[in-house]
Amino acid sequence: MSRDEGAGASTGAAGRGLWVEEPARRRRMPDPVRTSAVRAVLIVAVTLTQATITFFLTLAGSWLALPMAFGAIAGTIVATWGVLDVWITRQTWNQRYGVLSEPSSTARRRRREARRAARVAREPAKGRIPCEDGPLAASGR
């Protein structure tokens, strides 16, 4: 082992692995949403390619331009459906699974204060003698 090989191992580079896990900036999309998004991207890519080929066939004056134009129009409709599918799937997923029913710390504090105020209001005032001639005095209450 030469001096250069030994020096590289002792600098700390050997302690660090090749794969360093970094925290994600945003949360991962749910699986159904990601599936529909991939499908939409593929459909849009094919449609744009088809529209580009149609454009060049039209410039060249080829007979294939007309059938490709019809295909590009159909592809545009399907691509619009694909993008709407992503949007609808995302909204549906958020409505079903996106809401966490955890009260925030502010709501928790307000509820605690309200319970404390209600408890204080229910307790009789200290130092007062209960009235013995009320409507419940005969029943012993």
Protein backbone atom coordinates (compact mmCIF):
# COMPACT_ATOMS: atom_id res chain seq x y z
CA MET A 1 0.00 0.00 0.00
CA SER A 2 1.46 3.34 -0.97
CA ARG A 3 1.44 6.52 1.03
CA ASP A 4 -1.34 8.08 -1.14
CA GLU A 5 -3.74 5.19 -0.62
CA GLY A 6 -3.30 5.27 3.14
CA ALA A 7 -3.76 9.03 3.32
CA GLY A 8 -7.12 8.90 1.52
CA ALA A 9 -8.50 6.34 3.95
CA SER A 10 -7.61 8.35 7.03
CA THR A 11 -9.19 11.67 5.93
CA GLY A 12 -12.72 10.53 6.75
CA ALA A 13 -13.82 9.81 3.19
CA ALA A 14 -13.88 6.08 3.94
CA GLY A 15 -16.29 6.62 6.84
CA ARG A 16 -18.90 8.18 4.59
CA GLY A 17 -20.83 5.83 2.35
CA LEU A 18 -21.47 6.26 -1.34
CA TRP A 19 -25.20 6.77 -0.80
CA VAL A 20 -26.10 9.71 1.43
CA GLU A 21 -29.76 9.95 2.36
CA GLU A 22 -31.11 13.48 2.17
CA PRO A 23 -34.50 14.51 3.50
CA ALA A 24 -37.10 15.18 0.83
CA ARG A 25 -38.13 18.76 0.23
CA ARG A 26 -41.74 17.77 -0.35
CA ARG A 27 -43.77 14.75 0.64
CA ARG A 28 -44.07 11.95 -1.90
CA MET A 29 -47.25 11.89 -3.96
CA PRO A 30 -49.70 9.12 -3.11
CA ASP A 31 -49.49 6.05 -5.37
CA PRO A 32 -52.77 6.58 -7.31
CA VAL A 33 -51.91 10.21 -7.99
CA ARG A 34 -48.38 9.33 -9.07
CA THR A 35 -49.69 6.58 -11.36
CA SER A 36 -52.12 8.93 -13.09
CA ALA A 37 -49.43 11.62 -13.34
CA VAL A 38 -47.01 9.23 -15.05
CA ARG A 39 -49.77 8.14 -17.41
CA ALA A 40 -50.61 11.76 -18.23
CA VAL A 41 -46.96 12.66 -18.89
CA LEU A 42 -46.59 9.72 -21.28
CA ILE A 43 -49.81 10.61 -23.11
CA VAL A 44 -48.80 14.28 -23.41
CA ALA A 45 -45.32 13.31 -24.66
CA VAL A 46 -46.77 11.03 -27.36
CA THR A 47 -49.29 13.71 -28.36
CA LEU A 48 -46.60 16.40 -28.67
CA THR A 49 -44.44 14.06 -30.73
CA GLN A 50 -47.40 13.26 -32.95
CA ALA A 51 -48.23 16.96 -33.39
CA THR A 52 -44.60 17.72 -34.31
CA ILE A 53 -44.54 14.93 -36.89
CA THR A 54 -47.88 16.18 -38.25
CA PHE A 55 -46.43 19.67 -38.62
CA PHE A 56 -43.40 18.43 -40.54
CA LEU A 57 -45.52 16.16 -42.75
CA THR A 58 -47.74 19.15 -43.56
CA LEU A 59 -44.69 21.22 -44.53
CA ALA A 60 -43.46 18.37 -46.73
CA GLY A 61 -46.86 18.03 -48.42
CA SER A 62 -47.17 14.33 -47.57
CA TRP A 63 -50.47 12.46 -47.79
CA LEU A 64 -49.86 11.21 -44.24
CA ALA A 65 -50.44 14.71 -42.87
CA LEU A 66 -54.24 14.37 -42.83
CA PRO A 67 -54.44 11.06 -40.90
CA MET A 68 -51.74 12.30 -38.53
CA ALA A 69 -53.71 15.52 -37.96
CA PHE A 70 -56.76 13.48 -36.98
CA GLY A 71 -54.56 11.44 -34.66
CA ALA A 72 -53.09 14.60 -33.15
CA ILE A 73 -56.57 15.97 -32.49
CA ALA A 74 -57.61 12.71 -30.83
CA GLY A 75 -54.35 12.71 -28.87
CA THR A 76 -55.05 16.23 -27.63
CA ILE A 77 -58.44 15.13 -26.33
CA VAL A 78 -56.91 12.09 -24.61
CA ALA A 79 -54.09 14.22 -23.15
CA THR A 80 -56.64 16.66 -21.75
CA TRP A 81 -58.44 13.72 -20.16
CA GLY A 82 -55.14 12.51 -18.71
CA VAL A 83 -54.37 15.84 -17.09
CA LEU A 84 -57.91 16.09 -15.71
CA ASP A 85 -57.51 12.55 -14.39
CA VAL A 86 -54.48 13.64 -12.37
CA TRP A 87 -56.37 16.59 -10.94
CA ILE A 88 -59.48 14.55 -10.08
CA THR A 89 -57.44 11.70 -8.57
CA ARG A 90 -55.49 14.16 -6.43
CA GLN A 91 -58.66 15.88 -5.20
CA THR A 92 -60.32 12.54 -4.46
CA TRP A 93 -57.30 11.27 -2.55
CA ASN A 94 -57.10 14.47 -0.51
CA GLN A 95 -60.79 14.25 0.37
CA ARG A 96 -60.52 10.61 1.44
CA TYR A 97 -57.15 10.44 3.14
CA GLY A 98 -55.68 13.93 3.29
CA VAL A 99 -57.35 15.32 6.39
CA LEU A 100 -55.80 14.49 9.74
CA SER A 101 -58.32 15.05 12.50
CA GLU A 102 -55.88 16.32 15.07
CA PRO A 103 -56.71 19.56 16.81
CA SER A 104 -54.02 22.14 16.60
CA SER A 105 -52.29 23.34 19.72
CA THR A 106 -54.31 26.55 19.58
CA ALA A 107 -57.60 24.67 19.46
CA ARG A 108 -56.46 22.39 22.28
CA ARG A 109 -55.53 25.36 24.47
CA ARG A 110 -58.85 27.13 23.80
CA ARG A 111 -60.80 23.99 24.61
CA ARG A 112 -58.84 23.51 27.85
CA GLU A 113 -59.59 27.11 28.87
CA ALA A 114 -63.27 26.69 28.06
CA ARG A 115 -63.47 23.51 30.17
CA ARG A 116 -61.70 25.25 33.04
CA ALA A 117 -64.10 28.22 32.86
CA ALA A 118 -67.12 25.89 32.76
CA ARG A 119 -65.81 23.94 35.77
CA VAL A 120 -65.32 27.17 37.72
CA ALA A 121 -68.81 28.32 36.81
CA ARG A 122 -70.34 25.01 38.00
CA GLU A 123 -68.59 25.02 41.38
CA PRO A 124 -70.46 26.87 44.11
CA ALA A 125 -68.76 29.95 45.40
CA LYS A 126 -66.61 29.18 48.44
CA GLY A 127 -67.60 30.79 51.69
CA ARG A 128 -71.32 30.87 50.95
CA ILE A 129 -73.83 28.94 52.94
CA PRO A 130 -76.39 27.13 50.80
CA CYS A 131 -79.94 28.36 51.19
CA GLU A 132 -82.12 25.88 53.13
CA ASP A 133 -85.49 27.25 52.09
CA GLY A 134 -85.26 26.59 48.34
CA PRO A 135 -87.57 24.38 46.31
CA LEU A 136 -85.36 21.32 46.92
CA ALA A 137 -85.06 21.80 50.71
CA ALA A 138 -87.94 19.38 51.42
CA SER A 139 -86.30 16.53 49.48
CA GLY A 140 -83.05 16.88 51.39
CA ARG A 141 -80.97 18.29 48.60
